[in-house]
Amino acid sequence: MYFPSKKDGWMGFLHLVILFLCFGLPILSGEWVGIFVVPLVLGVVNLLIWFRTGYRVDGEDLEVHYGPITFKVPIHKIERVDFIKSPFVGPALSVDRMGITHSASKFLTVSPKDQDGFLQALKESNPHMVVNRP
């Protein structure tokens, strides 16, 4: 089951500013051909992050998609899930996040749009995880 990331408005504004800096400024400068490659790559990565951040609960794994990066966390290794508010970097596009502690105290933040459905899908594969709601 796929859960897209919740997206905050301020995060959308930030991504628009980045896109303008990556695409608009090189074109407006008049010398955009020579300096277009790096901003183009950064702009494409930014677009991928905005449109391809989400989480797939697939049997025994939590698959995290964050732009061009994808990684898996075995659900049976998830120890705790905490509901947190955090603006710090992670594969999430909202400050309303879930902190997932897994595999010997490794920590990951996610921001599924449907937090309750996401948590239910995780609990189906690992009913022993501890859930801390505010």
N, C-alpha and C. Protein backbone atom coordinates (compact mmCIF):
# COMPACT_ATOMS: atom_id res chain seq x y z
N MET A 1 0.85 -1.17 0.00
CA MET A 1 0.00 0.00 0.00
C MET A 1 0.90 1.24 0.00
N TYR A 2 0.59 2.21 -0.85
CA TYR A 2 1.41 3.41 -1.00
C TYR A 2 0.78 4.58 -0.24
N PHE A 3 1.61 5.32 0.47
CA PHE A 3 1.18 6.49 1.23
C PHE A 3 2.01 7.69 0.78
N PRO A 4 1.41 8.65 0.06
CA PRO A 4 2.16 9.84 -0.34
C PRO A 4 2.47 10.72 0.87
N SER A 5 3.52 11.51 0.75
CA SER A 5 3.90 12.42 1.82
C SER A 5 2.91 13.57 1.93
N LYS A 6 2.63 13.98 3.15
CA LYS A 6 1.87 15.20 3.38
C LYS A 6 2.78 16.36 2.97
N LYS A 7 2.21 17.41 2.35
CA LYS A 7 3.01 18.53 1.87
C LYS A 7 2.51 19.82 2.49
N ASP A 8 3.39 20.49 3.23
CA ASP A 8 3.06 21.78 3.83
C ASP A 8 3.20 22.90 2.81
N GLY A 9 2.39 23.95 2.96
CA GLY A 9 2.43 25.09 2.06
C GLY A 9 3.78 25.80 2.05
N TRP A 10 4.39 25.97 3.23
CA TRP A 10 5.68 26.66 3.28
C TRP A 10 6.75 25.85 2.58
N MET A 11 6.61 24.51 2.61
CA MET A 11 7.57 23.66 1.92
C MET A 11 7.39 23.80 0.41
N GLY A 12 6.15 23.94 -0.05
CA GLY A 12 5.89 24.17 -1.46
C GLY A 12 6.49 25.48 -1.92
N PHE A 13 6.37 26.54 -1.10
CA PHE A 13 6.96 27.84 -1.43
C PHE A 13 8.48 27.72 -1.53
N LEU A 14 9.08 27.00 -0.60
CA LEU A 14 10.53 26.80 -0.62
C LEU A 14 10.96 26.08 -1.90
N HIS A 15 10.21 25.07 -2.31
CA HIS A 15 10.53 24.35 -3.54
C HIS A 15 10.37 25.24 -4.76
N LEU A 16 9.38 26.13 -4.77
CA LEU A 16 9.23 27.07 -5.89
C LEU A 16 10.40 28.04 -5.97
N VAL A 17 10.87 28.52 -4.83
CA VAL A 17 12.03 29.41 -4.81
C VAL A 17 13.25 28.68 -5.37
N ILE A 18 13.44 27.45 -4.95
CA ILE A 18 14.57 26.66 -5.45
C ILE A 18 14.45 26.47 -6.96
N LEU A 19 13.25 26.16 -7.44
CA LEU A 19 13.07 26.00 -8.88
C LEU A 19 13.36 27.28 -9.63
N PHE A 20 12.95 28.43 -9.09
CA PHE A 20 13.24 29.70 -9.74
C PHE A 20 14.75 29.93 -9.80
N LEU A 21 15.43 29.65 -8.68
CA LEU A 21 16.88 29.83 -8.67
C LEU A 21 17.58 28.89 -9.64
N CYS A 22 17.04 27.68 -9.79
CA CYS A 22 17.67 26.69 -10.67
C CYS A 22 17.38 26.93 -12.14
N PHE A 23 16.17 27.37 -12.47
CA PHE A 23 15.78 27.53 -13.87
C PHE A 23 15.65 28.99 -14.29
N GLY A 24 15.01 29.81 -13.47
CA GLY A 24 14.72 31.19 -13.84
C GLY A 24 15.95 32.08 -13.94
N LEU A 25 16.79 32.06 -12.91
CA LEU A 25 17.96 32.92 -12.91
C LEU A 25 18.93 32.62 -14.06
N PRO A 26 19.26 31.36 -14.34
CA PRO A 26 20.16 31.11 -15.48
C PRO A 26 19.57 31.61 -16.80
N ILE A 27 18.29 31.44 -16.99
CA ILE A 27 17.66 31.89 -18.24
C ILE A 27 17.64 33.41 -18.31
N LEU A 28 17.32 34.08 -17.20
CA LEU A 28 17.25 35.54 -17.17
C LEU A 28 18.62 36.20 -17.27
N SER A 29 19.67 35.47 -16.89
CA SER A 29 21.01 36.06 -16.90
C SER A 29 21.56 36.28 -18.29
N GLY A 30 21.01 35.60 -19.29
CA GLY A 30 21.49 35.74 -20.65
C GLY A 30 22.65 34.82 -20.98
N GLU A 31 23.33 34.31 -19.99
CA GLU A 31 24.42 33.35 -20.22
C GLU A 31 24.02 31.99 -19.67
N TRP A 32 22.79 31.64 -19.87
CA TRP A 32 22.24 30.44 -19.25
C TRP A 32 22.81 29.15 -19.81
N VAL A 33 23.34 29.16 -21.03
CA VAL A 33 23.86 27.91 -21.60
C VAL A 33 25.05 27.40 -20.81
N GLY A 34 25.97 28.28 -20.43
CA GLY A 34 27.18 27.87 -19.73
C GLY A 34 26.95 27.45 -18.29
N ILE A 35 25.92 28.00 -17.68
CA ILE A 35 25.70 27.69 -16.26
C ILE A 35 24.40 26.93 -16.04
N PHE A 36 23.92 26.26 -17.04
CA PHE A 36 22.61 25.63 -16.96
C PHE A 36 22.66 24.20 -16.44
N VAL A 37 23.77 23.50 -16.57
CA VAL A 37 23.82 22.08 -16.24
C VAL A 37 23.61 21.83 -14.75
N VAL A 38 24.36 22.51 -13.90
CA VAL A 38 24.24 22.28 -12.45
C VAL A 38 22.85 22.69 -11.95
N PRO A 39 22.35 23.89 -12.29
CA PRO A 39 20.99 24.22 -11.86
C PRO A 39 19.94 23.26 -12.43
N LEU A 40 20.15 22.77 -13.65
CA LEU A 40 19.20 21.82 -14.23
C LEU A 40 19.15 20.55 -13.39
N VAL A 41 20.29 20.03 -13.02
CA VAL A 41 20.33 18.81 -12.21
C VAL A 41 19.68 19.06 -10.85
N LEU A 42 20.01 20.18 -10.21
CA LEU A 42 19.41 20.50 -8.91
C LEU A 42 17.90 20.70 -9.03
N GLY A 43 17.47 21.33 -10.10
CA GLY A 43 16.04 21.54 -10.32
C GLY A 43 15.30 20.23 -10.52
N VAL A 44 15.88 19.32 -11.28
CA VAL A 44 15.25 18.02 -11.52
C VAL A 44 15.18 17.22 -10.21
N VAL A 45 16.25 17.25 -9.43
CA VAL A 45 16.23 16.56 -8.13
C VAL A 45 15.16 17.17 -7.23
N ASN A 46 15.04 18.49 -7.23
CA ASN A 46 14.02 19.17 -6.45
C ASN A 46 12.62 18.74 -6.87
N LEU A 47 12.37 18.67 -8.17
CA LEU A 47 11.07 18.21 -8.67
C LEU A 47 10.80 16.77 -8.27
N LEU A 48 11.82 15.92 -8.36
CA LEU A 48 11.65 14.52 -7.96
C LEU A 48 11.30 14.42 -6.48
N ILE A 49 11.97 15.22 -5.66
CA ILE A 49 11.67 15.19 -4.22
C ILE A 49 10.22 15.61 -3.99
N TRP A 50 9.76 16.66 -4.66
CA TRP A 50 8.40 17.15 -4.44
C TRP A 50 7.35 16.14 -4.90
N PHE A 51 7.56 15.52 -6.06
CA PHE A 51 6.54 14.64 -6.62
C PHE A 51 6.75 13.16 -6.31
N ARG A 52 7.91 12.78 -5.78
CA ARG A 52 8.16 11.36 -5.57
C ARG A 52 8.62 11.08 -4.14
N THR A 53 8.03 11.77 -3.18
CA THR A 53 8.28 11.43 -1.78
C THR A 53 7.05 10.74 -1.24
N GLY A 54 7.27 9.51 -0.80
CA GLY A 54 6.17 8.71 -0.27
C GLY A 54 6.70 7.42 0.30
N TYR A 55 5.79 6.61 0.79
CA TYR A 55 6.16 5.43 1.56
C TYR A 55 5.27 4.27 1.15
N ARG A 56 5.89 3.13 0.90
CA ARG A 56 5.15 1.93 0.51
C ARG A 56 5.35 0.87 1.59
N VAL A 57 4.24 0.42 2.15
CA VAL A 57 4.27 -0.69 3.09
C VAL A 57 3.94 -1.92 2.26
N ASP A 58 4.94 -2.76 2.09
CA ASP A 58 4.82 -3.88 1.16
C ASP A 58 5.20 -5.18 1.86
N GLY A 59 4.23 -5.78 2.51
CA GLY A 59 4.50 -7.05 3.19
C GLY A 59 5.42 -6.87 4.39
N GLU A 60 6.69 -7.18 4.20
CA GLU A 60 7.63 -7.16 5.31
C GLU A 60 8.55 -5.95 5.32
N ASP A 61 8.42 -5.06 4.34
CA ASP A 61 9.32 -3.91 4.24
C ASP A 61 8.56 -2.59 4.17
N LEU A 62 9.16 -1.57 4.74
CA LEU A 62 8.74 -0.19 4.54
C LEU A 62 9.70 0.37 3.50
N GLU A 63 9.17 0.72 2.34
CA GLU A 63 10.00 1.26 1.27
C GLU A 63 9.80 2.78 1.26
N VAL A 64 10.89 3.51 1.44
CA VAL A 64 10.84 4.97 1.51
C VAL A 64 11.37 5.54 0.21
N HIS A 65 10.55 6.37 -0.45
CA HIS A 65 10.95 7.05 -1.68
C HIS A 65 11.13 8.53 -1.35
N TYR A 66 12.32 9.04 -1.61
CA TYR A 66 12.62 10.45 -1.38
C TYR A 66 13.32 10.98 -2.62
N GLY A 67 12.52 11.45 -3.56
CA GLY A 67 13.07 11.90 -4.84
C GLY A 67 13.72 10.73 -5.55
N PRO A 68 14.99 10.87 -5.95
CA PRO A 68 15.65 9.79 -6.67
C PRO A 68 16.17 8.67 -5.75
N ILE A 69 16.03 8.84 -4.45
CA ILE A 69 16.56 7.86 -3.49
C ILE A 69 15.44 6.96 -3.00
N THR A 70 15.72 5.67 -2.96
CA THR A 70 14.78 4.69 -2.41
C THR A 70 15.56 3.77 -1.47
N PHE A 71 15.00 3.52 -0.29
CA PHE A 71 15.61 2.54 0.60
C PHE A 71 14.52 1.80 1.36
N LYS A 72 14.90 0.66 1.92
CA LYS A 72 13.95 -0.20 2.62
C LYS A 72 14.34 -0.36 4.08
N VAL A 73 13.31 -0.47 4.91
CA VAL A 73 13.47 -0.76 6.33
C VAL A 73 12.61 -1.99 6.61
N PRO A 74 13.20 -3.06 7.12
CA PRO A 74 12.37 -4.22 7.49
C PRO A 74 11.40 -3.84 8.61
N ILE A 75 10.12 -4.07 8.39
CA ILE A 75 9.10 -3.65 9.36
C ILE A 75 9.29 -4.37 10.70
N HIS A 76 9.73 -5.61 10.68
CA HIS A 76 9.90 -6.33 11.95
C HIS A 76 11.02 -5.73 12.82
N LYS A 77 11.86 -4.86 12.24
CA LYS A 77 12.92 -4.21 13.01
C LYS A 77 12.50 -2.85 13.58
N ILE A 78 11.28 -2.42 13.27
CA ILE A 78 10.79 -1.15 13.81
C ILE A 78 10.45 -1.36 15.29
N GLU A 79 11.09 -0.56 16.15
CA GLU A 79 10.90 -0.68 17.58
C GLU A 79 9.84 0.28 18.11
N ARG A 80 9.88 1.52 17.59
CA ARG A 80 8.94 2.54 18.08
C ARG A 80 8.54 3.48 16.96
N VAL A 81 7.36 4.07 17.14
CA VAL A 81 6.88 5.13 16.26
C VAL A 81 6.39 6.26 17.16
N ASP A 82 6.97 7.44 16.98
CA ASP A 82 6.59 8.63 17.75
C ASP A 82 6.00 9.66 16.81
N PHE A 83 4.94 10.32 17.24
CA PHE A 83 4.36 11.42 16.48
C PHE A 83 5.08 12.69 16.91
N ILE A 84 5.73 13.36 15.96
CA ILE A 84 6.56 14.52 16.29
C ILE A 84 6.28 15.67 15.32
N LYS A 85 6.73 16.84 15.71
CA LYS A 85 6.74 18.01 14.81
C LYS A 85 8.19 18.41 14.67
N SER A 86 8.70 18.39 13.44
CA SER A 86 10.10 18.68 13.22
C SER A 86 10.32 19.24 11.83
N PRO A 87 11.04 20.35 11.70
CA PRO A 87 11.33 20.91 10.38
C PRO A 87 12.65 20.38 9.80
N PHE A 88 13.33 19.50 10.51
CA PHE A 88 14.65 19.07 10.09
C PHE A 88 14.58 18.14 8.88
N VAL A 89 15.70 18.01 8.21
CA VAL A 89 15.80 17.26 6.97
C VAL A 89 15.49 15.78 7.19
N GLY A 90 14.77 15.23 6.25
CA GLY A 90 14.42 13.83 6.24
C GLY A 90 13.50 13.58 5.07
N PRO A 91 13.18 12.34 4.79
CA PRO A 91 12.29 12.06 3.66
C PRO A 91 10.84 12.39 3.99
N ALA A 92 10.59 13.68 4.26
CA ALA A 92 9.27 14.15 4.64
C ALA A 92 9.10 15.58 4.14
N LEU A 93 7.87 15.93 3.74
CA LEU A 93 7.59 17.27 3.21
C LEU A 93 6.63 18.05 4.10
N SER A 94 6.57 17.67 5.37
CA SER A 94 5.71 18.33 6.33
C SER A 94 6.39 18.30 7.70
N VAL A 95 6.01 19.23 8.57
CA VAL A 95 6.54 19.18 9.93
C VAL A 95 5.77 18.18 10.79
N ASP A 96 4.58 17.76 10.34
CA ASP A 96 3.82 16.72 11.04
C ASP A 96 4.40 15.38 10.63
N ARG A 97 5.24 14.84 11.49
CA ARG A 97 6.01 13.65 11.12
C ARG A 97 5.81 12.52 12.11
N MET A 98 6.24 11.38 11.65
CA MET A 98 6.31 10.20 12.51
C MET A 98 7.78 9.82 12.58
N GLY A 99 8.30 9.74 13.79
CA GLY A 99 9.69 9.31 13.98
C GLY A 99 9.70 7.81 14.17
N ILE A 100 10.45 7.12 13.34
CA ILE A 100 10.51 5.66 13.38
C ILE A 100 11.90 5.25 13.85
N THR A 101 11.94 4.55 14.98
CA THR A 101 13.20 4.01 15.49
C THR A 101 13.26 2.54 15.09
N HIS A 102 14.36 2.17 14.45
CA HIS A 102 14.49 0.80 13.94
C HIS A 102 15.94 0.34 14.00
N SER A 103 16.16 -0.93 13.86
CA SER A 103 17.49 -1.53 13.70
C SER A 103 18.55 -0.93 14.62
N ALA A 104 18.47 -1.24 15.88
CA ALA A 104 19.46 -0.80 16.86
C ALA A 104 19.59 0.72 16.93
N SER A 105 18.48 1.37 17.16
CA SER A 105 18.41 2.81 17.41
C SER A 105 18.67 3.70 16.21
N LYS A 106 18.49 3.23 14.99
CA LYS A 106 18.52 4.11 13.82
C LYS A 106 17.18 4.83 13.77
N PHE A 107 17.20 6.08 13.32
CA PHE A 107 16.01 6.92 13.37
C PHE A 107 15.70 7.48 11.99
N LEU A 108 14.42 7.51 11.66
CA LEU A 108 13.95 7.97 10.36
C LEU A 108 12.67 8.76 10.58
N THR A 109 12.51 9.88 9.87
CA THR A 109 11.26 10.62 9.96
C THR A 109 10.52 10.52 8.64
N VAL A 110 9.21 10.33 8.72
CA VAL A 110 8.34 10.26 7.55
C VAL A 110 7.11 11.13 7.82
N SER A 111 6.43 11.53 6.74
CA SER A 111 5.23 12.36 6.92
C SER A 111 4.11 11.89 5.99
N PRO A 112 3.57 10.69 6.24
CA PRO A 112 2.48 10.23 5.37
C PRO A 112 1.24 11.10 5.54
N LYS A 113 0.56 11.32 4.44
CA LYS A 113 -0.67 12.12 4.47
C LYS A 113 -1.71 11.44 5.36
N ASP A 114 -1.84 10.12 5.24
CA ASP A 114 -2.77 9.34 6.05
C ASP A 114 -1.98 8.64 7.16
N GLN A 115 -1.73 9.35 8.26
CA GLN A 115 -0.91 8.78 9.33
C GLN A 115 -1.55 7.56 9.98
N ASP A 116 -2.86 7.60 10.18
CA ASP A 116 -3.53 6.47 10.82
C ASP A 116 -3.49 5.22 9.94
N GLY A 117 -3.76 5.38 8.65
CA GLY A 117 -3.69 4.25 7.73
C GLY A 117 -2.29 3.69 7.62
N PHE A 118 -1.31 4.58 7.59
CA PHE A 118 0.09 4.17 7.53
C PHE A 118 0.47 3.36 8.77
N LEU A 119 0.10 3.88 9.94
CA LEU A 119 0.40 3.19 11.19
C LEU A 119 -0.30 1.83 11.24
N GLN A 120 -1.54 1.75 10.79
CA GLN A 120 -2.26 0.48 10.77
C GLN A 120 -1.56 -0.53 9.86
N ALA A 121 -1.10 -0.07 8.70
CA ALA A 121 -0.39 -0.97 7.78
C ALA A 121 0.90 -1.49 8.41
N LEU A 122 1.61 -0.63 9.15
CA LEU A 122 2.83 -1.08 9.82
C LEU A 122 2.51 -2.08 10.92
N LYS A 123 1.46 -1.79 11.70
CA LYS A 123 1.09 -2.66 12.82
C LYS A 123 0.60 -4.04 12.37
N GLU A 124 0.07 -4.12 11.15
CA GLU A 124 -0.33 -5.44 10.64
C GLU A 124 0.87 -6.36 10.49
N SER A 125 2.03 -5.79 10.14
CA SER A 125 3.24 -6.60 9.99
C SER A 125 4.06 -6.68 11.26
N ASN A 126 3.89 -5.71 12.16
CA ASN A 126 4.66 -5.71 13.41
C ASN A 126 3.79 -5.18 14.55
N PRO A 127 2.96 -6.06 15.12
CA PRO A 127 2.06 -5.61 16.19
C PRO A 127 2.79 -5.29 17.51
N HIS A 128 4.08 -5.61 17.59
CA HIS A 128 4.83 -5.41 18.84
C HIS A 128 5.50 -4.04 18.93
N MET A 129 5.45 -3.24 17.88
CA MET A 129 6.10 -1.92 17.95
C MET A 129 5.37 -1.03 18.95
N VAL A 130 6.12 -0.16 19.59
CA VAL A 130 5.55 0.78 20.55
C VAL A 130 5.16 2.05 19.80
N VAL A 131 3.95 2.54 20.07
CA VAL A 131 3.45 3.76 19.41
C VAL A 131 3.22 4.81 20.48
N ASN A 132 3.86 5.97 20.33
CA ASN A 132 3.69 7.09 21.26
C ASN A 132 2.97 8.22 20.57
N ARG A 133 1.69 8.38 20.91
CA ARG A 133 0.89 9.49 20.36
C ARG A 133 0.94 10.65 21.34
N PRO A 134 0.84 11.88 20.81
CA PRO A 134 0.86 13.05 21.71
C PRO A 134 -0.41 13.10 22.55
